Amino acid sequence: MTQRKSESTRLNLRVTHKQAPALAASLTTEARFELTDDDSILLVEEAANSIVDIRARWNTLMRGLIASEHVLGIGGDSNE
């Protein structure tokens, strides 16, 4: 199926992490996000007009999250 240019492509990502607020802070300028009431789950939403654009946004989002997770790991165990 071919995507029409007027259609929007959406990406929803759910990240469970004990330091979700810190990960969320790293996304302040990158994406729309929410934290659950207990601050353990980060919900990220992205939208773009094409698959190519959503892929670029996904790559940027993941690079930021990975870098943040590595920095958080320097201070102690962050694997959850």
N, C-alpha and C. Protein backbone atom coordinates (compact mmCIF):
# COMPACT_ATOMS: atom_id res chain seq x y z
N MET A 1 0.84 -1.18 0.00
CA MET A 1 0.00 0.00 0.00
C MET A 1 0.89 1.24 0.00
N THR A 2 0.57 2.18 -0.84
CA THR A 2 1.33 3.42 -0.94
C THR A 2 0.73 4.47 -0.01
N GLN A 3 1.58 5.11 0.73
CA GLN A 3 1.13 6.15 1.64
C GLN A 3 0.90 7.44 0.87
N ARG A 4 -0.21 8.08 1.13
CA ARG A 4 -0.50 9.37 0.51
C ARG A 4 0.26 10.46 1.26
N LYS A 5 0.65 11.49 0.55
CA LYS A 5 1.42 12.57 1.17
C LYS A 5 0.65 13.29 2.26
N SER A 6 -0.66 13.32 2.17
CA SER A 6 -1.44 14.04 3.16
C SER A 6 -1.66 13.23 4.44
N GLU A 7 -1.33 11.93 4.40
CA GLU A 7 -1.50 11.09 5.57
C GLU A 7 -0.35 11.29 6.55
N SER A 8 -0.66 11.26 7.81
CA SER A 8 0.35 11.40 8.84
C SER A 8 0.76 10.02 9.35
N THR A 9 2.04 9.86 9.58
CA THR A 9 2.56 8.62 10.14
C THR A 9 2.83 8.87 11.62
N ARG A 10 2.37 7.95 12.47
CA ARG A 10 2.52 8.14 13.92
C ARG A 10 3.40 7.05 14.51
N LEU A 11 4.10 7.45 15.57
CA LEU A 11 4.95 6.54 16.32
C LEU A 11 4.64 6.74 17.80
N ASN A 12 4.33 5.65 18.49
CA ASN A 12 4.12 5.70 19.93
C ASN A 12 5.11 4.74 20.57
N LEU A 13 5.84 5.24 21.55
CA LEU A 13 6.86 4.45 22.23
C LEU A 13 6.59 4.49 23.72
N ARG A 14 6.69 3.34 24.34
CA ARG A 14 6.49 3.21 25.80
C ARG A 14 7.78 2.67 26.39
N VAL A 15 8.40 3.44 27.30
CA VAL A 15 9.66 3.06 27.92
C VAL A 15 9.46 2.95 29.42
N THR A 16 9.77 1.77 29.97
CA THR A 16 9.73 1.58 31.41
C THR A 16 11.16 1.67 31.93
N HIS A 17 11.38 2.57 32.89
CA HIS A 17 12.73 2.80 33.41
C HIS A 17 12.61 3.42 34.79
N LYS A 18 13.47 3.02 35.70
CA LYS A 18 13.37 3.57 37.06
C LYS A 18 13.73 5.05 37.11
N GLN A 19 14.40 5.55 36.07
CA GLN A 19 14.73 6.97 36.00
C GLN A 19 14.06 7.62 34.79
N ALA A 20 12.82 7.26 34.57
CA ALA A 20 12.06 7.78 33.43
C ALA A 20 12.01 9.31 33.38
N PRO A 21 11.88 10.01 34.52
CA PRO A 21 11.88 11.48 34.45
C PRO A 21 13.18 12.04 33.86
N ALA A 22 14.30 11.43 34.16
CA ALA A 22 15.57 11.89 33.60
C ALA A 22 15.61 11.65 32.09
N LEU A 23 15.11 10.51 31.66
CA LEU A 23 15.05 10.25 30.22
C LEU A 23 14.11 11.24 29.55
N ALA A 24 12.99 11.54 30.20
CA ALA A 24 12.04 12.50 29.65
C ALA A 24 12.69 13.87 29.49
N ALA A 25 13.50 14.26 30.45
CA ALA A 25 14.17 15.56 30.38
C ALA A 25 15.06 15.66 29.15
N SER A 26 15.63 14.55 28.75
CA SER A 26 16.49 14.56 27.57
C SER A 26 15.71 14.74 26.27
N LEU A 27 14.40 14.56 26.33
CA LEU A 27 13.57 14.67 25.14
C LEU A 27 12.82 16.00 25.04
N THR A 28 13.09 16.90 25.95
CA THR A 28 12.32 18.14 26.03
C THR A 28 12.23 18.86 24.69
N THR A 29 13.29 18.91 23.93
CA THR A 29 13.26 19.61 22.64
C THR A 29 13.05 18.67 21.46
N GLU A 30 12.92 17.37 21.71
CA GLU A 30 12.86 16.39 20.63
C GLU A 30 11.47 15.85 20.30
N ALA A 31 10.62 15.66 21.32
CA ALA A 31 9.35 14.96 21.08
C ALA A 31 8.33 15.32 22.14
N ARG A 32 7.07 15.02 21.83
CA ARG A 32 6.03 15.13 22.85
C ARG A 32 6.08 13.88 23.70
N PHE A 33 5.95 14.05 25.01
CA PHE A 33 6.02 12.90 25.90
C PHE A 33 5.18 13.15 27.13
N GLU A 34 4.89 12.06 27.84
CA GLU A 34 4.19 12.10 29.13
C GLU A 34 4.87 11.11 30.04
N LEU A 35 4.77 11.36 31.33
CA LEU A 35 5.20 10.40 32.34
C LEU A 35 3.95 9.89 33.04
N THR A 36 3.94 8.61 33.40
CA THR A 36 2.81 8.09 34.15
C THR A 36 2.84 8.68 35.55
N ASP A 37 1.74 8.53 36.27
CA ASP A 37 1.61 9.12 37.60
C ASP A 37 2.72 8.68 38.56
N ASP A 38 3.19 7.45 38.42
CA ASP A 38 4.24 6.97 39.32
C ASP A 38 5.66 7.25 38.78
N ASP A 39 5.76 7.98 37.66
CA ASP A 39 7.04 8.35 37.05
C ASP A 39 7.91 7.16 36.66
N SER A 40 7.31 6.02 36.37
CA SER A 40 8.12 4.86 35.97
C SER A 40 8.01 4.54 34.48
N ILE A 41 7.05 5.15 33.80
CA ILE A 41 6.85 4.88 32.38
C ILE A 41 6.83 6.20 31.62
N LEU A 42 7.63 6.23 30.57
CA LEU A 42 7.72 7.37 29.67
C LEU A 42 6.96 7.01 28.40
N LEU A 43 5.99 7.82 28.02
CA LEU A 43 5.22 7.63 26.80
C LEU A 43 5.61 8.72 25.82
N VAL A 44 6.08 8.32 24.65
CA VAL A 44 6.56 9.26 23.65
C VAL A 44 5.70 9.15 22.40
N GLU A 45 5.34 10.29 21.83
CA GLU A 45 4.54 10.31 20.61
C GLU A 45 5.23 11.17 19.58
N GLU A 46 5.36 10.64 18.38
CA GLU A 46 5.94 11.37 17.26
C GLU A 46 4.98 11.26 16.08
N ALA A 47 5.00 12.24 15.22
CA ALA A 47 4.20 12.21 13.99
C ALA A 47 5.00 12.90 12.90
N ALA A 48 4.81 12.43 11.67
CA ALA A 48 5.48 13.02 10.52
C ALA A 48 4.62 12.79 9.28
N ASN A 49 4.95 13.47 8.22
CA ASN A 49 4.17 13.36 6.99
C ASN A 49 4.62 12.22 6.08
N SER A 50 5.72 11.56 6.43
CA SER A 50 6.19 10.45 5.60
C SER A 50 6.94 9.44 6.44
N ILE A 51 7.10 8.27 5.88
CA ILE A 51 7.86 7.21 6.56
C ILE A 51 9.32 7.64 6.72
N VAL A 52 9.86 8.31 5.74
CA VAL A 52 11.25 8.77 5.80
C VAL A 52 11.42 9.75 6.97
N ASP A 53 10.47 10.67 7.12
CA ASP A 53 10.56 11.63 8.22
C ASP A 53 10.40 10.96 9.58
N ILE A 54 9.49 10.00 9.69
CA ILE A 54 9.29 9.33 10.99
C ILE A 54 10.51 8.48 11.32
N ARG A 55 11.15 7.92 10.32
CA ARG A 55 12.38 7.15 10.54
C ARG A 55 13.49 8.06 11.07
N ALA A 56 13.62 9.25 10.49
CA ALA A 56 14.63 10.21 10.96
C ALA A 56 14.34 10.63 12.40
N ARG A 57 13.08 10.87 12.70
CA ARG A 57 12.71 11.24 14.07
C ARG A 57 12.98 10.10 15.04
N TRP A 58 12.66 8.86 14.61
CA TRP A 58 12.92 7.68 15.44
C TRP A 58 14.42 7.58 15.74
N ASN A 59 15.25 7.75 14.73
CA ASN A 59 16.70 7.66 14.93
C ASN A 59 17.19 8.72 15.91
N THR A 60 16.73 9.94 15.77
CA THR A 60 17.11 11.02 16.68
C THR A 60 16.65 10.72 18.10
N LEU A 61 15.41 10.28 18.22
CA LEU A 61 14.84 9.93 19.52
C LEU A 61 15.64 8.82 20.20
N MET A 62 15.95 7.77 19.47
CA MET A 62 16.68 6.65 20.04
C MET A 62 18.11 7.02 20.41
N ARG A 63 18.78 7.81 19.58
CA ARG A 63 20.13 8.26 19.93
C ARG A 63 20.12 9.05 21.23
N GLY A 64 19.14 9.92 21.37
CA GLY A 64 19.04 10.71 22.60
C GLY A 64 18.76 9.86 23.83
N LEU A 65 17.84 8.91 23.69
CA LEU A 65 17.53 8.03 24.81
C LEU A 65 18.71 7.13 25.19
N ILE A 66 19.39 6.61 24.19
CA ILE A 66 20.54 5.74 24.45
C ILE A 66 21.65 6.53 25.15
N ALA A 67 21.94 7.72 24.65
CA ALA A 67 22.98 8.55 25.28
C ALA A 67 22.61 8.89 26.72
N SER A 68 21.35 9.25 26.94
CA SER A 68 20.90 9.58 28.30
C SER A 68 21.00 8.38 29.22
N GLU A 69 20.61 7.21 28.71
CA GLU A 69 20.66 6.00 29.53
C GLU A 69 22.10 5.65 29.89
N HIS A 70 23.01 5.87 28.97
CA HIS A 70 24.43 5.61 29.25
C HIS A 70 24.94 6.57 30.33
N VAL A 71 24.59 7.83 30.23
CA VAL A 71 25.02 8.81 31.24
C VAL A 71 24.43 8.46 32.60
N LEU A 72 23.17 8.07 32.63
CA LEU A 72 22.55 7.68 33.90
C LEU A 72 23.24 6.44 34.48
N GLY A 73 23.70 5.56 33.62
CA GLY A 73 24.39 4.35 34.05
C GLY A 73 25.74 4.61 34.68
N ILE A 74 26.35 5.74 34.39
CA ILE A 74 27.64 6.08 34.98
C ILE A 74 27.52 6.24 36.48
N GLY A 75 26.37 6.76 36.94
CA GLY A 75 26.16 7.02 38.35
C GLY A 75 25.70 5.81 39.14
N GLY A 76 25.44 4.72 38.50
CA GLY A 76 24.98 3.52 39.21
C GLY A 76 24.20 2.62 38.28
N ASP A 77 23.55 1.62 38.85
CA ASP A 77 22.79 0.65 38.07
C ASP A 77 21.50 1.28 37.59
N SER A 78 21.32 1.36 36.25
CA SER A 78 20.11 1.94 35.68
C SER A 78 19.35 0.93 34.84
N ASN A 79 19.73 -0.32 34.88
CA ASN A 79 19.09 -1.33 34.05
C ASN A 79 17.81 -1.84 34.66
N GLU A 80 16.71 -1.41 34.10
CA GLU A 80 15.38 -1.92 34.48
C GLU A 80 14.46 -1.76 33.34
